[in-house]
Amino acid sequence: MALEEESIRVLVVDDDPDSREVFAELLTERFEVTTASAGPEGLTAFAEKKPHVVITDQTLPGMEGTQLARKIKELEPEAHVVLLTGHSWVEGTEACDAVLQKPVEPERIFALVVELCRHQR
């Protein structure tokens, strides 16, 4: 049984305030959203809010997105991590469920979050 869209919790981690707020505003239309501006802050928010999906930028203060993904998977192997990057290739993405190159269309993010949560309760 899939989660209902409005019950899906998403954490957006991005050090760029404009990007973070745009993603948060868009995603709040359909999901419960929390934000963080750095890797360590994102890890704390993950532990507190228990999101189903984490959308993180690769370049973050204190911890890269790939490092954050590995730490999240250690805490909760069932959590989903989507890495956003401006690069065509990033090393160490094994812990990421998806890697999307910026810019990303909002509908692509919506569809991916729903798809990743399809079998979660």
PDB file of N, CA and C in Angstrom:
ATOM      1  N   MET A   1       0.846  -1.186   0.000  1.00  0.00           N
ATOM      2  CA  MET A   1       0.000   0.000   0.000  1.00  0.00           C
ATOM      3  C   MET A   1       0.890   1.248   0.000  1.00  0.00           C
ATOM      4  N   ALA A   2       0.581   2.167  -0.849  1.00  0.00           N
ATOM      5  CA  ALA A   2       1.383   3.387  -0.983  1.00  0.00           C
ATOM      6  C   ALA A   2       0.940   4.433   0.033  1.00  0.00           C
ATOM      7  N   LEU A   3       1.862   5.307   0.364  1.00  0.00           N
ATOM      8  CA  LEU A   3       1.536   6.454   1.209  1.00  0.00           C
ATOM      9  C   LEU A   3       0.669   7.426   0.429  1.00  0.00           C
ATOM     10  N   GLU A   4      -0.230   8.094   1.117  1.00  0.00           N
ATOM     11  CA  GLU A   4      -0.980   9.175   0.491  1.00  0.00           C
ATOM     12  C   GLU A   4      -0.027  10.352   0.322  1.00  0.00           C
ATOM     13  N   GLU A   5      -0.151  11.111  -0.771  1.00  0.00           N
ATOM     14  CA  GLU A   5       0.777  12.211  -1.040  1.00  0.00           C
ATOM     15  C   GLU A   5       0.907  13.171   0.123  1.00  0.00           C
ATOM     16  N   GLU A   6      -0.209  13.553   0.744  1.00  0.00           N
ATOM     17  CA  GLU A   6      -0.146  14.556   1.809  1.00  0.00           C
ATOM     18  C   GLU A   6       0.533  14.026   3.069  1.00  0.00           C
ATOM     19  N   SER A   7       0.725  12.705   3.169  1.00  0.00           N
ATOM     20  CA  SER A   7       1.401  12.147   4.340  1.00  0.00           C
ATOM     21  C   SER A   7       2.891  11.886   4.086  1.00  0.00           C
ATOM     22  N   ILE A   8       3.361  12.131   2.872  1.00  0.00           N
ATOM     23  CA  ILE A   8       4.776  11.945   2.550  1.00  0.00           C
ATOM     24  C   ILE A   8       5.581  13.104   3.134  1.00  0.00           C
ATOM     25  N   ARG A   9       6.612  12.756   3.904  1.00  0.00           N
ATOM     26  CA  ARG A   9       7.488  13.755   4.509  1.00  0.00           C
ATOM     27  C   ARG A   9       8.768  13.863   3.682  1.00  0.00           C
ATOM     28  N   VAL A  10       9.120  15.107   3.326  1.00  0.00           N
ATOM     29  CA  VAL A  10      10.296  15.370   2.497  1.00  0.00           C
ATOM     30  C   VAL A  10      11.195  16.364   3.224  1.00  0.00           C
ATOM     31  N   LEU A  11      12.492  16.082   3.190  1.00  0.00           N
ATOM     32  CA  LEU A  11      13.496  16.996   3.727  1.00  0.00           C
ATOM     33  C   LEU A  11      14.309  17.531   2.561  1.00  0.00           C
ATOM     34  N   VAL A  12      14.388  18.856   2.437  1.00  0.00           N
ATOM     35  CA  VAL A  12      15.185  19.510   1.399  1.00  0.00           C
ATOM     36  C   VAL A  12      16.421  20.103   2.065  1.00  0.00           C
ATOM     37  N   VAL A  13      17.613  19.679   1.591  1.00  0.00           N
ATOM     38  CA  VAL A  13      18.866  20.183   2.145  1.00  0.00           C
ATOM     39  C   VAL A  13      19.629  20.885   1.030  1.00  0.00           C
ATOM     40  N   ASP A  14      19.765  22.204   1.170  1.00  0.00           N
ATOM     41  CA  ASP A  14      20.459  23.005   0.159  1.00  0.00           C
ATOM     42  C   ASP A  14      20.978  24.270   0.836  1.00  0.00           C
ATOM     43  N   ASP A  15      22.244  24.595   0.596  1.00  0.00           N
ATOM     44  CA  ASP A  15      22.821  25.784   1.237  1.00  0.00           C
ATOM     45  C   ASP A  15      22.442  27.081   0.535  1.00  0.00           C
ATOM     46  N   ASP A  16      21.921  26.992  -0.673  1.00  0.00           N
ATOM     47  CA  ASP A  16      21.475  28.183  -1.399  1.00  0.00           C
ATOM     48  C   ASP A  16      20.055  28.510  -0.938  1.00  0.00           C
ATOM     49  N   PRO A  17      19.863  29.628  -0.222  1.00  0.00           N
ATOM     50  CA  PRO A  17      18.544  29.936   0.328  1.00  0.00           C
ATOM     51  C   PRO A  17      17.457  30.046  -0.732  1.00  0.00           C
ATOM     52  N   ASP A  18      17.780  30.595  -1.885  1.00  0.00           N
ATOM     53  CA  ASP A  18      16.772  30.728  -2.943  1.00  0.00           C
ATOM     54  C   ASP A  18      16.325  29.361  -3.446  1.00  0.00           C
ATOM     55  N   SER A  19      17.284  28.494  -3.757  1.00  0.00           N
ATOM     56  CA  SER A  19      16.947  27.142  -4.239  1.00  0.00           C
ATOM     57  C   SER A  19      16.152  26.375  -3.191  1.00  0.00           C
ATOM     58  N   ARG A  20      16.611  26.443  -1.950  1.00  0.00           N
ATOM     59  CA  ARG A  20      15.954  25.722  -0.862  1.00  0.00           C
ATOM     60  C   ARG A  20      14.505  26.174  -0.715  1.00  0.00           C
ATOM     61  N   GLU A  21      14.281  27.474  -0.745  1.00  0.00           N
ATOM     62  CA  GLU A  21      12.932  27.996  -0.562  1.00  0.00           C
ATOM     63  C   GLU A  21      12.026  27.693  -1.755  1.00  0.00           C
ATOM     64  N   VAL A  22      12.574  27.769  -2.958  1.00  0.00           N
ATOM     65  CA  VAL A  22      11.776  27.436  -4.145  1.00  0.00           C
ATOM     66  C   VAL A  22      11.332  25.978  -4.094  1.00  0.00           C
ATOM     67  N   PHE A  23      12.278  25.078  -3.800  1.00  0.00           N
ATOM     68  CA  PHE A  23      11.920  23.665  -3.696  1.00  0.00           C
ATOM     69  C   PHE A  23      10.904  23.444  -2.582  1.00  0.00           C
ATOM     70  N   ALA A  24      11.119  24.058  -1.437  1.00  0.00           N
ATOM     71  CA  ALA A  24      10.201  23.887  -0.313  1.00  0.00           C
ATOM     72  C   ALA A  24       8.796  24.369  -0.672  1.00  0.00           C
ATOM     73  N   GLU A  25       8.708  25.541  -1.293  1.00  0.00           N
ATOM     74  CA  GLU A  25       7.393  26.077  -1.682  1.00  0.00           C
ATOM     75  C   GLU A  25       6.687  25.145  -2.657  1.00  0.00           C
ATOM     76  N   LEU A  26       7.407  24.680  -3.665  1.00  0.00           N
ATOM     77  CA  LEU A  26       6.804  23.788  -4.656  1.00  0.00           C
ATOM     78  C   LEU A  26       6.352  22.477  -4.023  1.00  0.00           C
ATOM     79  N   LEU A  27       7.225  21.879  -3.234  1.00  0.00           N
ATOM     80  CA  LEU A  27       6.915  20.574  -2.650  1.00  0.00           C
ATOM     81  C   LEU A  27       5.821  20.652  -1.597  1.00  0.00           C
ATOM     82  N   THR A  28       5.696  21.785  -0.899  1.00  0.00           N
ATOM     83  CA  THR A  28       4.672  21.950   0.127  1.00  0.00           C
ATOM     84  C   THR A  28       3.274  21.872  -0.472  1.00  0.00           C
ATOM     85  N   GLU A  29       3.160  22.116  -1.777  1.00  0.00           N
ATOM     86  CA  GLU A  29       1.850  21.990  -2.436  1.00  0.00           C
ATOM     87  C   GLU A  29       1.302  20.575  -2.301  1.00  0.00           C
ATOM     88  N   ARG A  30       2.211  19.573  -2.194  1.00  0.00           N
ATOM     89  CA  ARG A  30       1.754  18.182  -2.188  1.00  0.00           C
ATOM     90  C   ARG A  30       2.277  17.332  -1.035  1.00  0.00           C
ATOM     91  N   PHE A  31       3.330  17.787  -0.364  1.00  0.00           N
ATOM     92  CA  PHE A  31       3.953  16.979   0.685  1.00  0.00           C
ATOM     93  C   PHE A  31       4.208  17.801   1.938  1.00  0.00           C
ATOM     94  N   GLU A  32       4.533  17.119   3.037  1.00  0.00           N
ATOM     95  CA  GLU A  32       4.963  17.781   4.270  1.00  0.00           C
ATOM     96  C   GLU A  32       6.473  18.009   4.140  1.00  0.00           C
ATOM     97  N   VAL A  33       6.928  19.260   4.223  1.00  0.00           N
ATOM     98  CA  VAL A  33       8.318  19.595   3.900  1.00  0.00           C
ATOM     99  C   VAL A  33       9.043  20.238   5.080  1.00  0.00           C
ATOM    100  N   THR A  34      10.295  19.804   5.273  1.00  0.00           N
ATOM    101  CA  THR A  34      11.222  20.400   6.229  1.00  0.00           C
ATOM    102  C   THR A  34      12.458  20.791   5.434  1.00  0.00           C
ATOM    103  N   THR A  35      13.162  21.838   5.871  1.00  0.00           N
ATOM    104  CA  THR A  35      14.377  22.247   5.158  1.00  0.00           C
ATOM    105  C   THR A  35      15.566  22.333   6.107  1.00  0.00           C
ATOM    106  N   ALA A  36      16.760  22.254   5.506  1.00  0.00           N
ATOM    107  CA  ALA A  36      18.015  22.441   6.228  1.00  0.00           C
ATOM    108  C   ALA A  36      19.004  23.068   5.256  1.00  0.00           C
ATOM    109  N   SER A  37      19.986  23.801   5.806  1.00  0.00           N
ATOM    110  CA  SER A  37      20.916  24.536   4.940  1.00  0.00           C
ATOM    111  C   SER A  37      22.325  23.966   4.895  1.00  0.00           C
ATOM    112  N   ALA A  38      22.597  22.888   5.628  1.00  0.00           N
ATOM    113  CA  ALA A  38      23.931  22.297   5.642  1.00  0.00           C
ATOM    114  C   ALA A  38      23.815  20.805   5.923  1.00  0.00           C
ATOM    115  N   GLY A  39      24.878  20.067   5.605  1.00  0.00           N
ATOM    116  CA  GLY A  39      24.859  18.622   5.805  1.00  0.00           C
ATOM    117  C   GLY A  39      24.573  18.193   7.231  1.00  0.00           C
ATOM    118  N   PRO A  40      25.337  18.693   8.231  1.00  0.00           N
ATOM    119  CA  PRO A  40      25.071  18.290   9.611  1.00  0.00           C
ATOM    120  C   PRO A  40      23.668  18.677  10.087  1.00  0.00           C
ATOM    121  N   GLU A  41      23.202  19.857   9.681  1.00  0.00           N
ATOM    122  CA  GLU A  41      21.839  20.290  10.025  1.00  0.00           C
ATOM    123  C   GLU A  41      20.803  19.359   9.383  1.00  0.00           C
ATOM    124  N   GLY A  42      21.096  18.923   8.166  1.00  0.00           N
ATOM    125  CA  GLY A  42      20.212  17.988   7.480  1.00  0.00           C
ATOM    126  C   GLY A  42      20.128  16.650   8.195  1.00  0.00           C
ATOM    127  N   LEU A  43      21.265  16.182   8.700  1.00  0.00           N
ATOM    128  CA  LEU A  43      21.293  14.918   9.430  1.00  0.00           C
ATOM    129  C   LEU A  43      20.474  15.024  10.718  1.00  0.00           C
ATOM    130  N   THR A  44      20.586  16.142  11.413  1.00  0.00           N
ATOM    131  CA  THR A  44      19.799  16.381  12.625  1.00  0.00           C
ATOM    132  C   THR A  44      18.313  16.431  12.292  1.00  0.00           C
ATOM    133  N   ALA A  45      17.960  17.159  11.225  1.00  0.00           N
ATOM    134  CA  ALA A  45      16.554  17.254  10.812  1.00  0.00           C
ATOM    135  C   ALA A  45      16.019  15.882  10.415  1.00  0.00           C
ATOM    136  N   PHE A  46      16.854  15.071   9.777  1.00  0.00           N
ATOM    137  CA  PHE A  46      16.439  13.725   9.396  1.00  0.00           C
ATOM    138  C   PHE A  46      16.093  12.905  10.644  1.00  0.00           C
ATOM    139  N   ALA A  47      16.971  12.958  11.644  1.00  0.00           N
ATOM    140  CA  ALA A  47      16.751  12.196  12.873  1.00  0.00           C
ATOM    141  C   ALA A  47      15.486  12.655  13.600  1.00  0.00           C
ATOM    142  N   GLU A  48      15.206  13.945  13.556  1.00  0.00           N
ATOM    143  CA  GLU A  48      14.043  14.488  14.258  1.00  0.00           C
ATOM    144  C   GLU A  48      12.733  14.271  13.507  1.00  0.00           C
ATOM    145  N   LYS A  49      12.734  14.503  12.199  1.00  0.00           N
ATOM    146  CA  LYS A  49      11.492  14.501  11.418  1.00  0.00           C
ATOM    147  C   LYS A  49      11.177  13.175  10.732  1.00  0.00           C
ATOM    148  N   LYS A  50      12.166  12.307  10.599  1.00  0.00           N
ATOM    149  CA  LYS A  50      11.985  11.002   9.951  1.00  0.00           C
ATOM    150  C   LYS A  50      11.308  11.106   8.577  1.00  0.00           C
ATOM    151  N   PRO A  51      11.885  11.911   7.665  1.00  0.00           N
ATOM    152  CA  PRO A  51      11.264  12.047   6.344  1.00  0.00           C
ATOM    153  C   PRO A  51      11.369  10.754   5.537  1.00  0.00           C
ATOM    154  N   HIS A  52      10.442  10.579   4.618  1.00  0.00           N
ATOM    155  CA  HIS A  52      10.483   9.434   3.710  1.00  0.00           C
ATOM    156  C   HIS A  52      11.512   9.654   2.607  1.00  0.00           C
ATOM    157  N   VAL A  53      11.649  10.927   2.184  1.00  0.00           N
ATOM    158  CA  VAL A  53      12.553  11.267   1.092  1.00  0.00           C
ATOM    159  C   VAL A  53      13.389  12.483   1.487  1.00  0.00           C
ATOM    160  N   VAL A  54      14.689  12.405   1.200  1.00  0.00           N
ATOM    161  CA  VAL A  54      15.591  13.531   1.399  1.00  0.00           C
ATOM    162  C   VAL A  54      16.062  13.967   0.020  1.00  0.00           C
ATOM    163  N   ILE A  55      15.885  15.253  -0.276  1.00  0.00           N
ATOM    164  CA  ILE A  55      16.383  15.831  -1.523  1.00  0.00           C
ATOM    165  C   ILE A  55      17.530  16.739  -1.128  1.00  0.00           C
ATOM    166  N   THR A  56      18.740  16.396  -1.565  1.00  0.00           N
ATOM    167  CA  THR A  56      19.903  17.146  -1.131  1.00  0.00           C
ATOM    168  C   THR A  56      20.782  17.586  -2.290  1.00  0.00           C
ATOM    169  N   ASP A  57      21.329  18.769  -2.140  1.00  0.00           N
ATOM    170  CA  ASP A  57      22.333  19.260  -3.074  1.00  0.00           C
ATOM    171  C   ASP A  57      23.624  18.505  -2.770  1.00  0.00           C
ATOM    172  N   GLN A  58      24.494  18.366  -3.744  1.00  0.00           N
ATOM    173  CA  GLN A  58      25.776  17.704  -3.514  1.00  0.00           C
ATOM    174  C   GLN A  58      26.735  18.598  -2.727  1.00  0.00           C
ATOM    175  N   THR A  59      26.795  19.874  -3.095  1.00  0.00           N
ATOM    176  CA  THR A  59      27.755  20.783  -2.467  1.00  0.00           C
ATOM    177  C   THR A  59      27.104  21.474  -1.276  1.00  0.00           C
ATOM    178  N   LEU A  60      27.489  21.034  -0.069  1.00  0.00           N
ATOM    179  CA  LEU A  60      26.918  21.568   1.166  1.00  0.00           C
ATOM    180  C   LEU A  60      28.023  21.899   2.157  1.00  0.00           C
ATOM    181  N   PRO A  61      27.807  22.871   3.032  1.00  0.00           N
ATOM    182  CA  PRO A  61      28.776  23.120   4.100  1.00  0.00           C
ATOM    183  C   PRO A  61      28.768  21.955   5.105  1.00  0.00           C
ATOM    184  N   GLY A  62      29.944  21.560   5.535  1.00  0.00           N
ATOM    185  CA  GLY A  62      30.062  20.566   6.594  1.00  0.00           C
ATOM    186  C   GLY A  62      30.004  19.117   6.170  1.00  0.00           C
ATOM    187  N   MET A  63      29.397  18.836   5.022  1.00  0.00           N
ATOM    188  CA  MET A  63      29.239  17.451   4.582  1.00  0.00           C
ATOM    189  C   MET A  63      28.648  17.454   3.179  1.00  0.00           C
ATOM    190  N   GLU A  64      29.259  16.743   2.254  1.00  0.00           N
ATOM    191  CA  GLU A  64      28.702  16.671   0.894  1.00  0.00           C
ATOM    192  C   GLU A  64      27.408  15.861   0.900  1.00  0.00           C
ATOM    193  N   GLY A  65      26.610  16.063  -0.128  1.00  0.00           N
ATOM    194  CA  GLY A  65      25.352  15.337  -0.252  1.00  0.00           C
ATOM    195  C   GLY A  65      25.529  13.832  -0.260  1.00  0.00           C
ATOM    196  N   THR A  66      26.593  13.337  -0.910  1.00  0.00           N
ATOM    197  CA  THR A  66      26.832  11.892  -0.934  1.00  0.00           C
ATOM    198  C   THR A  66      27.163  11.364   0.458  1.00  0.00           C
ATOM    199  N   GLN A  67      27.891  12.149   1.247  1.00  0.00           N
ATOM    200  CA  GLN A  67      28.189  11.754   2.628  1.00  0.00           C
ATOM    201  C   GLN A  67      26.907  11.736   3.460  1.00  0.00           C
ATOM    202  N   LEU A  68      26.081  12.752   3.270  1.00  0.00           N
ATOM    203  CA  LEU A  68      24.799  12.815   3.965  1.00  0.00           C
ATOM    204  C   LEU A  68      23.954  11.597   3.619  1.00  0.00           C
ATOM    205  N   ALA A  69      23.925  11.230   2.349  1.00  0.00           N
ATOM    206  CA  ALA A  69      23.158  10.054   1.911  1.00  0.00           C
ATOM    207  C   ALA A  69      23.630   8.789   2.630  1.00  0.00           C
ATOM    208  N   ARG A  70      24.943   8.593   2.720  1.00  0.00           N
ATOM    209  CA  ARG A  70      25.473   7.405   3.399  1.00  0.00           C
ATOM    210  C   ARG A  70      25.067   7.383   4.875  1.00  0.00           C
ATOM    211  N   LYS A  71      25.166   8.529   5.536  1.00  0.00           N
ATOM    212  CA  LYS A  71      24.814   8.598   6.965  1.00  0.00           C
ATOM    213  C   LYS A  71      23.322   8.348   7.173  1.00  0.00           C
ATOM    214  N   ILE A  72      22.500   8.870   6.283  1.00  0.00           N
ATOM    215  CA  ILE A  72      21.052   8.649   6.375  1.00  0.00           C
ATOM    216  C   ILE A  72      20.734   7.171   6.205  1.00  0.00           C
ATOM    217  N   LYS A  73      21.358   6.527   5.237  1.00  0.00           N
ATOM    218  CA  LYS A  73      21.109   5.097   5.000  1.00  0.00           C
ATOM    219  C   LYS A  73      21.588   4.244   6.176  1.00  0.00           C
ATOM    220  N   GLU A  74      22.637   4.698   6.875  1.00  0.00           N
ATOM    221  CA  GLU A  74      23.085   3.986   8.079  1.00  0.00           C
ATOM    222  C   GLU A  74      22.025   4.073   9.172  1.00  0.00           C
ATOM    223  N   LEU A  75      21.405   5.247   9.294  1.00  0.00           N
ATOM    224  CA  LEU A  75      20.362   5.442  10.305  1.00  0.00           C
ATOM    225  C   LEU A  75      19.062   4.752   9.926  1.00  0.00           C
ATOM    226  N   GLU A  76      18.698   4.838   8.656  1.00  0.00           N
ATOM    227  CA  GLU A  76      17.416   4.312   8.179  1.00  0.00           C
ATOM    228  C   GLU A  76      17.564   3.808   6.741  1.00  0.00           C
ATOM    229  N   PRO A  77      17.874   2.519   6.585  1.00  0.00           N
ATOM    230  CA  PRO A  77      18.106   1.973   5.243  1.00  0.00           C
ATOM    231  C   PRO A  77      16.923   2.136   4.276  1.00  0.00           C
ATOM    232  N   GLU A  78      15.707   2.258   4.822  1.00  0.00           N
ATOM    233  CA  GLU A  78      14.519   2.388   3.975  1.00  0.00           C
ATOM    234  C   GLU A  78      14.275   3.820   3.489  1.00  0.00           C
ATOM    235  N   ALA A  79      14.991   4.787   4.043  1.00  0.00           N
ATOM    236  CA  ALA A  79      14.822   6.182   3.615  1.00  0.00           C
ATOM    237  C   ALA A  79      15.328   6.325   2.178  1.00  0.00           C
ATOM    238  N   HIS A  80      14.766   7.273   1.463  1.00  0.00           N
ATOM    239  CA  HIS A  80      15.158   7.520   0.074  1.00  0.00           C
ATOM    240  C   HIS A  80      15.914   8.842  -0.008  1.00  0.00           C
ATOM    241  N   VAL A  81      16.986   8.851  -0.794  1.00  0.00           N
ATOM    242  CA  VAL A  81      17.789  10.056  -0.964  1.00  0.00           C
ATOM    243  C   VAL A  81      17.908  10.377  -2.441  1.00  0.00           C
ATOM    244  N   VAL A  82      17.563  11.610  -2.786  1.00  0.00           N
ATOM    245  CA  VAL A  82      17.698  12.118  -4.148  1.00  0.00           C
ATOM    246  C   VAL A  82      18.787  13.184  -4.118  1.00  0.00           C
ATOM    247  N   LEU A  83      19.818  12.987  -4.909  1.00  0.00           N
ATOM    248  CA  LEU A  83      20.934  13.926  -4.974  1.00  0.00           C
ATOM    249  C   LEU A  83      20.753  14.856  -6.163  1.00  0.00           C
ATOM    250  N   LEU A  84      20.856  16.162  -5.919  1.00  0.00           N
ATOM    251  CA  LEU A  84      20.807  17.155  -6.985  1.00  0.00           C
ATOM    252  C   LEU A  84      22.219  17.684  -7.196  1.00  0.00           C
ATOM    253  N   THR A  85      22.614  17.823  -8.448  1.00  0.00           N
ATOM    254  CA  THR A  85      23.966  18.283  -8.733  1.00  0.00           C
ATOM    255  C   THR A  85      24.003  19.082 -10.027  1.00  0.00           C
ATOM    256  N   GLY A  86      24.944  19.975 -10.082  1.00  0.00           N
ATOM    257  CA  GLY A  86      25.177  20.731 -11.303  1.00  0.00           C
ATOM    258  C   GLY A  86      26.170  20.028 -12.216  1.00  0.00           C
ATOM    259  N   HIS A  87      26.715  18.914 -11.749  1.00  0.00           N
ATOM    260  CA  HIS A  87      27.717  18.171 -12.515  1.00  0.00           C
ATOM    261  C   HIS A  87      27.074  17.008 -13.266  1.00  0.00           C
ATOM    262  N   SER A  88      27.702  16.579 -14.347  1.00  0.00           N
ATOM    263  CA  SER A  88      27.164  15.462 -15.119  1.00  0.00           C
ATOM    264  C   SER A  88      27.471  14.121 -14.459  1.00  0.00           C
ATOM    265  N   TRP A  89      28.471  14.090 -13.555  1.00  0.00           N
ATOM    266  CA  TRP A  89      28.826  12.857 -12.869  1.00  0.00           C
ATOM    267  C   TRP A  89      29.359  13.195 -11.487  1.00  0.00           C
ATOM    268  N   VAL A  90      28.957  12.420 -10.499  1.00  0.00           N
ATOM    269  CA  VAL A  90      29.416  12.610  -9.127  1.00  0.00           C
ATOM    270  C   VAL A  90      29.878  11.258  -8.596  1.00  0.00           C
ATOM    271  N   GLU A  91      31.045  11.239  -7.964  1.00  0.00           N
ATOM    272  CA  GLU A  91      31.573  10.013  -7.382  1.00  0.00           C
ATOM    273  C   GLU A  91      30.893   9.725  -6.051  1.00  0.00           C
ATOM    274  N   GLY A  92      30.679   8.440  -5.758  1.00  0.00           N
ATOM    275  CA  GLY A  92      30.175   8.032  -4.454  1.00  0.00           C
ATOM    276  C   GLY A  92      28.677   8.128  -4.270  1.00  0.00           C
ATOM    277  N   THR A  93      27.918   7.911  -5.322  1.00  0.00           N
ATOM    278  CA  THR A  93      26.456   8.055  -5.242  1.00  0.00           C
ATOM    279  C   THR A  93      25.730   6.746  -4.907  1.00  0.00           C
ATOM    280  N   GLU A  94      26.461   5.741  -4.460  1.00  0.00           N
ATOM    281  CA  GLU A  94      25.852   4.430  -4.205  1.00  0.00           C
ATOM    282  C   GLU A  94      24.690   4.480  -3.222  1.00  0.00           C
ATOM    283  N   ALA A  95      24.747   5.372  -2.253  1.00  0.00           N
ATOM    284  CA  ALA A  95      23.682   5.463  -1.244  1.00  0.00           C
ATOM    285  C   ALA A  95      22.499   6.307  -1.714  1.00  0.00           C
ATOM    286  N   CYS A  96      22.593   6.858  -2.903  1.00  0.00           N
ATOM    287  CA  CYS A  96      21.507   7.696  -3.438  1.00  0.00           C
ATOM    288  C   CYS A  96      20.553   6.847  -4.270  1.00  0.00           C
ATOM    289  N   ASP A  97      19.265   7.092  -4.096  1.00  0.00           N
ATOM    290  CA  ASP A  97      18.266   6.368  -4.876  1.00  0.00           C
ATOM    291  C   ASP A  97      18.110   6.961  -6.266  1.00  0.00           C
ATOM    292  N   ALA A  98      18.464   8.232  -6.410  1.00  0.00           N
ATOM    293  CA  ALA A  98      18.411   8.901  -7.712  1.00  0.00           C
ATOM    294  C   ALA A  98      19.387  10.072  -7.682  1.00  0.00           C
ATOM    295  N   VAL A  99      19.950  10.356  -8.846  1.00  0.00           N
ATOM    296  CA  VAL A  99      20.826  11.511  -9.017  1.00  0.00           C
ATOM    297  C   VAL A  99      20.256  12.321 -10.175  1.00  0.00           C
ATOM    298  N   LEU A 100      19.905  13.572  -9.895  1.00  0.00           N
ATOM    299  CA  LEU A 100      19.321  14.431 -10.914  1.00  0.00           C
ATOM    300  C   LEU A 100      20.230  15.622 -11.157  1.00  0.00           C
ATOM    301  N   GLN A 101      20.422  15.923 -12.430  1.00  0.00           N
ATOM    302  CA  GLN A 101      21.255  17.067 -12.787  1.00  0.00           C
ATOM    303  C   GLN A 101      20.387  18.315 -12.848  1.00  0.00           C
ATOM    304  N   LYS A 102      20.894  19.390 -12.231  1.00  0.00           N
ATOM    305  CA  LYS A 102      20.190  20.678 -12.251  1.00  0.00           C
ATOM    306  C   LYS A 102      20.285  21.287 -13.637  1.00  0.00           C
ATOM    307  N   PRO A 103      19.313  22.062 -14.043  1.00  0.00           N
ATOM    308  CA  PRO A 103      18.050  22.366 -13.353  1.00  0.00           C
ATOM    309  C   PRO A 103      17.076  21.189 -13.458  1.00  0.00           C
ATOM    310  N   VAL A 104      16.211  21.073 -12.474  1.00  0.00           N
ATOM    311  CA  VAL A 104      15.251  19.970 -12.412  1.00  0.00           C
ATOM    312  C   VAL A 104      13.840  20.540 -12.487  1.00  0.00           C
ATOM    313  N   GLU A 105      13.045  19.962 -13.353  1.00  0.00           N
ATOM    314  CA  GLU A 105      11.649  20.387 -13.474  1.00  0.00           C
ATOM    315  C   GLU A 105      10.861  19.925 -12.248  1.00  0.00           C
ATOM    316  N   PRO A 106      10.004  20.771 -11.693  1.00  0.00           N
ATOM    317  CA  PRO A 106       9.222  20.393 -10.510  1.00  0.00           C
ATOM    318  C   PRO A 106       8.426  19.102 -10.694  1.00  0.00           C
ATOM    319  N   GLU A 107       7.821  18.913 -11.846  1.00  0.00           N
ATOM    320  CA  GLU A 107       7.026  17.700 -12.067  1.00  0.00           C
ATOM    321  C   GLU A 107       7.879  16.444 -11.996  1.00  0.00           C
ATOM    322  N   ARG A 108       9.142  16.549 -12.386  1.00  0.00           N
ATOM    323  CA  ARG A 108      10.067  15.409 -12.287  1.00  0.00           C
ATOM    324  C   ARG A 108      10.289  15.053 -10.821  1.00  0.00           C
ATOM    325  N   ILE A 109      10.452  16.067  -9.972  1.00  0.00           N
ATOM    326  CA  ILE A 109      10.644  15.837  -8.544  1.00  0.00           C
ATOM    327  C   ILE A 109       9.376  15.239  -7.922  1.00  0.00           C
ATOM    328  N   PHE A 110       8.206  15.814  -8.232  1.00  0.00           N
ATOM    329  CA  PHE A 110       6.951  15.291  -7.694  1.00  0.00           C
ATOM    330  C   PHE A 110       6.803  13.811  -8.037  1.00  0.00           C
ATOM    331  N   ALA A 111       6.982  13.483  -9.306  1.00  0.00           N
ATOM    332  CA  ALA A 111       6.816  12.102  -9.767  1.00  0.00           C
ATOM    333  C   ALA A 111       7.814  11.168  -9.085  1.00  0.00           C
ATOM    334  N   LEU A 112       9.048  11.608  -8.933  1.00  0.00           N
ATOM    335  CA  LEU A 112      10.076  10.781  -8.311  1.00  0.00           C
ATOM    336  C   LEU A 112       9.759  10.522  -6.841  1.00  0.00           C
ATOM    337  N   VAL A 113       9.344  11.546  -6.102  1.00  0.00           N
ATOM    338  CA  VAL A 113       9.004  11.371  -4.689  1.00  0.00           C
ATOM    339  C   VAL A 113       7.865  10.364  -4.547  1.00  0.00           C
ATOM    340  N   VAL A 114       6.843  10.506  -5.351  1.00  0.00           N
ATOM    341  CA  VAL A 114       5.700   9.587  -5.293  1.00  0.00           C
ATOM    342  C   VAL A 114       6.147   8.162  -5.647  1.00  0.00           C
ATOM    343  N   GLU A 115       6.954   8.038  -6.673  1.00  0.00           N
ATOM    344  CA  GLU A 115       7.451   6.718  -7.100  1.00  0.00           C
ATOM    345  C   GLU A 115       8.282   6.060  -5.987  1.00  0.00           C
ATOM    346  N   LEU A 116       9.177   6.817  -5.375  1.00  0.00           N
ATOM    347  CA  LEU A 116      10.018   6.264  -4.322  1.00  0.00           C
ATOM    348  C   LEU A 116       9.190   5.797  -3.121  1.00  0.00           C
ATOM    349  N   CYS A 117       8.074   6.470  -2.860  1.00  0.00           N
ATOM    350  CA  CYS A 117       7.236   6.146  -1.709  1.00  0.00           C
ATOM    351  C   CYS A 117       6.109   5.167  -2.045  1.00  0.00           C
ATOM    352  N   ARG A 118       6.086   4.688  -3.233  1.00  0.00           N
ATOM    353  CA  ARG A 118       4.982   3.837  -3.703  1.00  0.00           C
ATOM    354  C   ARG A 118       4.698   2.654  -2.778  1.00  0.00           C
ATOM    355  N   HIS A 119       5.734   2.020  -2.248  1.00  0.00           N
ATOM    356  CA  HIS A 119       5.523   0.805  -1.451  1.00  0.00           C
ATOM    357  C   HIS A 119       5.748   1.008   0.039  1.00  0.00           C
ATOM    358  N   GLN A 120       5.889   2.276   0.458  1.00  0.00           N
ATOM    359  CA  GLN A 120       6.061   2.542   1.886  1.00  0.00           C
ATOM    360  C   GLN A 120       4.721   2.681   2.571  1.00  0.00           C
ATOM    361  N   ARG A 121       4.707   2.383   3.844  1.00  0.00           N
ATOM    362  CA  ARG A 121       3.484   2.540   4.645  1.00  0.00           C
ATOM    363  C   ARG A 121       3.643   3.675   5.605  1.00  0.00           C
TER     364      ARG A 121
END
